[in-house]
Structure formats: C-alpha cells, structure tokens
Amino acid sequence: MVKKTKGSGKRYGPRYGKVIRQKVSKIEAKKNKSYKCPSCNALRLKRVMAGIWHCKRCDTKFAGRAYSFKE
C-alpha cells in the first residue's frame, strides 16, 4: 500500500522521493501562511520574497527569515 503525499508536494508525483516531497510540503505551508504583524498585531503579514514580509493592513515591510517570519 502506497501512502500519498499531502500538501503542495503532491505535484511532483512519484519523483524525487517521499521524504523530499514531505519537506517541500512543510516548507511551502509555512511560507504561504499569514503571520501576526509586530506593529499592528493583525494576521495580515504575508511573504513578498525570500526574507521580505509585508503587512497588508498597516502597509509596512519587515525583514525576517526566508520561509517563516520570526520577530
């Protein structure tokens, strides 16, 4: 019985191995999640590009980690 990969890693199908597809799914889930803005405390902080985060409510930009925002 073959287990299916959940998340965004399933687009690779049987290629690249199970563990790598699971890691990709976990990283992309963290990347696409909304985070809490440190200035206005709203859950509107989204990733613009690697290390750049933008709050859609107060229109401020922050520098943080590449895939997840950490204050």
N, C-alpha and C. Protein backbone atom coordinates (compact mmCIF):
# COMPACT_ATOMS: atom_id res chain seq x y z
N MET A 1 0.84 -1.18 0.00
CA MET A 1 0.00 0.00 0.00
C MET A 1 0.89 1.25 0.00
N VAL A 2 0.63 2.16 -0.92
CA VAL A 2 1.43 3.37 -1.08
C VAL A 2 0.70 4.53 -0.43
N LYS A 3 1.42 5.25 0.45
CA LYS A 3 0.83 6.44 1.07
C LYS A 3 1.01 7.62 0.13
N LYS A 4 -0.01 8.45 0.04
CA LYS A 4 0.05 9.63 -0.80
C LYS A 4 0.60 10.80 0.00
N THR A 5 1.36 11.66 -0.65
CA THR A 5 1.90 12.85 -0.01
C THR A 5 0.82 13.92 0.01
N LYS A 6 0.65 14.55 1.15
CA LYS A 6 -0.34 15.62 1.26
C LYS A 6 0.34 16.95 1.04
N GLY A 7 -0.45 17.95 0.70
CA GLY A 7 0.08 19.30 0.55
C GLY A 7 0.58 19.58 -0.85
N SER A 8 1.43 20.57 -0.94
CA SER A 8 1.89 21.04 -2.24
C SER A 8 2.91 20.10 -2.89
N GLY A 9 3.49 19.19 -2.14
CA GLY A 9 4.48 18.26 -2.68
C GLY A 9 3.90 17.21 -3.59
N LYS A 10 2.59 17.05 -3.59
CA LYS A 10 1.98 16.02 -4.43
C LYS A 10 2.05 16.35 -5.91
N ARG A 11 2.40 17.60 -6.24
CA ARG A 11 2.52 17.97 -7.65
C ARG A 11 3.70 17.28 -8.32
N TYR A 12 4.66 16.75 -7.52
CA TYR A 12 5.81 16.06 -8.07
C TYR A 12 5.54 14.60 -8.38
N GLY A 13 4.41 14.07 -7.92
CA GLY A 13 4.06 12.69 -8.20
C GLY A 13 5.03 11.73 -7.55
N PRO A 14 5.47 10.70 -8.27
CA PRO A 14 6.39 9.73 -7.67
C PRO A 14 7.86 10.15 -7.74
N ARG A 15 8.15 11.32 -8.27
CA ARG A 15 9.55 11.74 -8.44
C ARG A 15 10.16 12.26 -7.15
N TYR A 16 11.46 12.20 -7.05
CA TYR A 16 12.31 12.81 -6.03
C TYR A 16 12.28 12.14 -4.66
N GLY A 17 11.41 11.22 -4.39
CA GLY A 17 11.39 10.53 -3.11
C GLY A 17 10.38 11.13 -2.13
N LYS A 18 9.90 10.29 -1.24
CA LYS A 18 8.84 10.66 -0.31
C LYS A 18 9.28 11.72 0.69
N VAL A 19 10.47 11.56 1.25
CA VAL A 19 10.93 12.47 2.31
C VAL A 19 11.10 13.88 1.77
N ILE A 20 11.66 14.02 0.58
CA ILE A 20 11.86 15.35 0.00
C ILE A 20 10.53 16.00 -0.32
N ARG A 21 9.57 15.24 -0.84
CA ARG A 21 8.25 15.80 -1.12
C ARG A 21 7.56 16.26 0.16
N GLN A 22 7.73 15.52 1.25
CA GLN A 22 7.14 15.93 2.53
C GLN A 22 7.80 17.19 3.07
N LYS A 23 9.12 17.32 2.91
CA LYS A 23 9.82 18.52 3.36
C LYS A 23 9.37 19.74 2.57
N VAL A 24 9.19 19.57 1.26
CA VAL A 24 8.72 20.67 0.42
C VAL A 24 7.32 21.11 0.85
N SER A 25 6.46 20.15 1.15
CA SER A 25 5.11 20.48 1.58
C SER A 25 5.11 21.26 2.88
N LYS A 26 5.97 20.86 3.82
CA LYS A 26 6.04 21.54 5.11
C LYS A 26 6.58 22.97 4.96
N ILE A 27 7.62 23.14 4.15
CA ILE A 27 8.21 24.46 3.95
C ILE A 27 7.22 25.40 3.26
N GLU A 28 6.54 24.91 2.23
CA GLU A 28 5.61 25.77 1.50
C GLU A 28 4.37 26.10 2.32
N ALA A 29 3.97 25.24 3.23
CA ALA A 29 2.85 25.56 4.11
C ALA A 29 3.23 26.71 5.05
N LYS A 30 4.45 26.69 5.59
CA LYS A 30 4.92 27.77 6.45
C LYS A 30 5.09 29.06 5.65
N LYS A 31 5.54 28.95 4.42
CA LYS A 31 5.79 30.12 3.59
C LYS A 31 4.50 30.85 3.23
N ASN A 32 3.45 30.12 2.95
CA ASN A 32 2.20 30.72 2.49
C ASN A 32 1.25 31.12 3.61
N LYS A 33 1.59 30.81 4.84
CA LYS A 33 0.75 31.12 5.99
C LYS A 33 0.79 32.61 6.32
N SER A 34 -0.29 33.15 6.88
CA SER A 34 -0.31 34.52 7.36
C SER A 34 0.24 34.57 8.77
N TYR A 35 1.06 35.59 9.04
CA TYR A 35 1.67 35.75 10.35
C TYR A 35 1.16 37.03 11.00
N LYS A 36 1.41 37.16 12.29
CA LYS A 36 0.97 38.31 13.07
C LYS A 36 1.96 39.46 12.87
N CYS A 37 1.45 40.62 12.52
CA CYS A 37 2.27 41.80 12.30
C CYS A 37 2.76 42.35 13.65
N PRO A 38 4.05 42.64 13.79
CA PRO A 38 4.54 43.16 15.06
C PRO A 38 4.11 44.59 15.36
N SER A 39 3.73 45.37 14.35
CA SER A 39 3.34 46.76 14.61
C SER A 39 1.85 46.95 14.85
N CYS A 40 0.99 46.22 14.12
CA CYS A 40 -0.45 46.42 14.29
C CYS A 40 -1.16 45.19 14.86
N ASN A 41 -0.45 44.11 15.12
CA ASN A 41 -0.98 42.87 15.71
C ASN A 41 -2.11 42.23 14.90
N ALA A 42 -2.11 42.43 13.59
CA ALA A 42 -3.11 41.80 12.73
C ALA A 42 -2.49 40.59 12.04
N LEU A 43 -3.31 39.61 11.72
CA LEU A 43 -2.84 38.43 10.99
C LEU A 43 -2.85 38.71 9.49
N ARG A 44 -2.10 39.71 9.07
CA ARG A 44 -2.09 40.12 7.67
C ARG A 44 -0.69 40.16 7.07
N LEU A 45 0.28 39.58 7.75
CA LEU A 45 1.66 39.61 7.28
C LEU A 45 1.88 38.47 6.28
N LYS A 46 2.26 38.80 5.05
CA LYS A 46 2.48 37.82 4.00
C LYS A 46 3.88 37.99 3.43
N ARG A 47 4.39 36.91 2.86
CA ARG A 47 5.73 36.89 2.29
C ARG A 47 5.72 37.51 0.90
N VAL A 48 6.61 38.46 0.64
CA VAL A 48 6.75 39.07 -0.68
C VAL A 48 7.79 38.31 -1.48
N MET A 49 8.96 38.11 -0.88
CA MET A 49 10.02 37.30 -1.46
C MET A 49 10.88 36.81 -0.31
N ALA A 50 11.95 36.11 -0.60
CA ALA A 50 12.76 35.50 0.45
C ALA A 50 13.28 36.55 1.42
N GLY A 51 12.80 36.50 2.67
CA GLY A 51 13.26 37.41 3.71
C GLY A 51 12.51 38.72 3.79
N ILE A 52 11.58 39.00 2.89
CA ILE A 52 10.81 40.25 2.89
C ILE A 52 9.36 39.92 3.18
N TRP A 53 8.80 40.57 4.21
CA TRP A 53 7.42 40.34 4.65
C TRP A 53 6.67 41.67 4.63
N HIS A 54 5.41 41.65 4.19
CA HIS A 54 4.61 42.86 4.03
C HIS A 54 3.27 42.71 4.74
N CYS A 55 2.92 43.71 5.56
CA CYS A 55 1.62 43.73 6.23
C CYS A 55 0.63 44.46 5.33
N LYS A 56 -0.46 43.80 5.02
CA LYS A 56 -1.45 44.39 4.12
C LYS A 56 -2.35 45.39 4.84
N ARG A 57 -2.35 45.39 6.16
CA ARG A 57 -3.19 46.31 6.92
C ARG A 57 -2.50 47.65 7.14
N CYS A 58 -1.29 47.62 7.71
CA CYS A 58 -0.60 48.87 8.03
C CYS A 58 0.44 49.26 6.97
N ASP A 59 0.58 48.46 5.93
CA ASP A 59 1.45 48.73 4.78
C ASP A 59 2.91 48.93 5.17
N THR A 60 3.41 48.12 6.08
CA THR A 60 4.82 48.17 6.46
C THR A 60 5.52 46.91 5.98
N LYS A 61 6.82 47.03 5.77
CA LYS A 61 7.63 45.89 5.34
C LYS A 61 8.63 45.56 6.43
N PHE A 62 8.90 44.27 6.56
CA PHE A 62 9.83 43.78 7.55
C PHE A 62 10.80 42.82 6.90
N ALA A 63 11.98 42.70 7.52
CA ALA A 63 12.94 41.69 7.12
C ALA A 63 12.86 40.56 8.14
N GLY A 64 12.87 39.34 7.66
CA GLY A 64 12.78 38.20 8.56
C GLY A 64 13.45 36.99 7.93
N ARG A 65 13.04 35.84 8.36
CA ARG A 65 13.58 34.61 7.79
C ARG A 65 13.04 34.39 6.39
N ALA A 66 13.64 33.47 5.67
CA ALA A 66 13.28 33.25 4.28
C ALA A 66 11.89 32.62 4.14
N TYR A 67 11.55 31.64 4.99
CA TYR A 67 10.30 30.90 4.82
C TYR A 67 9.28 31.14 5.92
N SER A 68 9.70 31.68 7.08
CA SER A 68 8.76 31.96 8.15
C SER A 68 9.18 33.24 8.84
N PHE A 69 8.22 33.99 9.33
CA PHE A 69 8.52 35.26 9.98
C PHE A 69 8.73 35.03 11.47
N LYS A 70 9.82 35.49 11.98
CA LYS A 70 10.15 35.36 13.40
C LYS A 70 10.58 36.73 13.89
N GLU A 71 9.92 37.23 14.93
CA GLU A 71 10.23 38.55 15.46
C GLU A 71 11.52 38.57 16.22
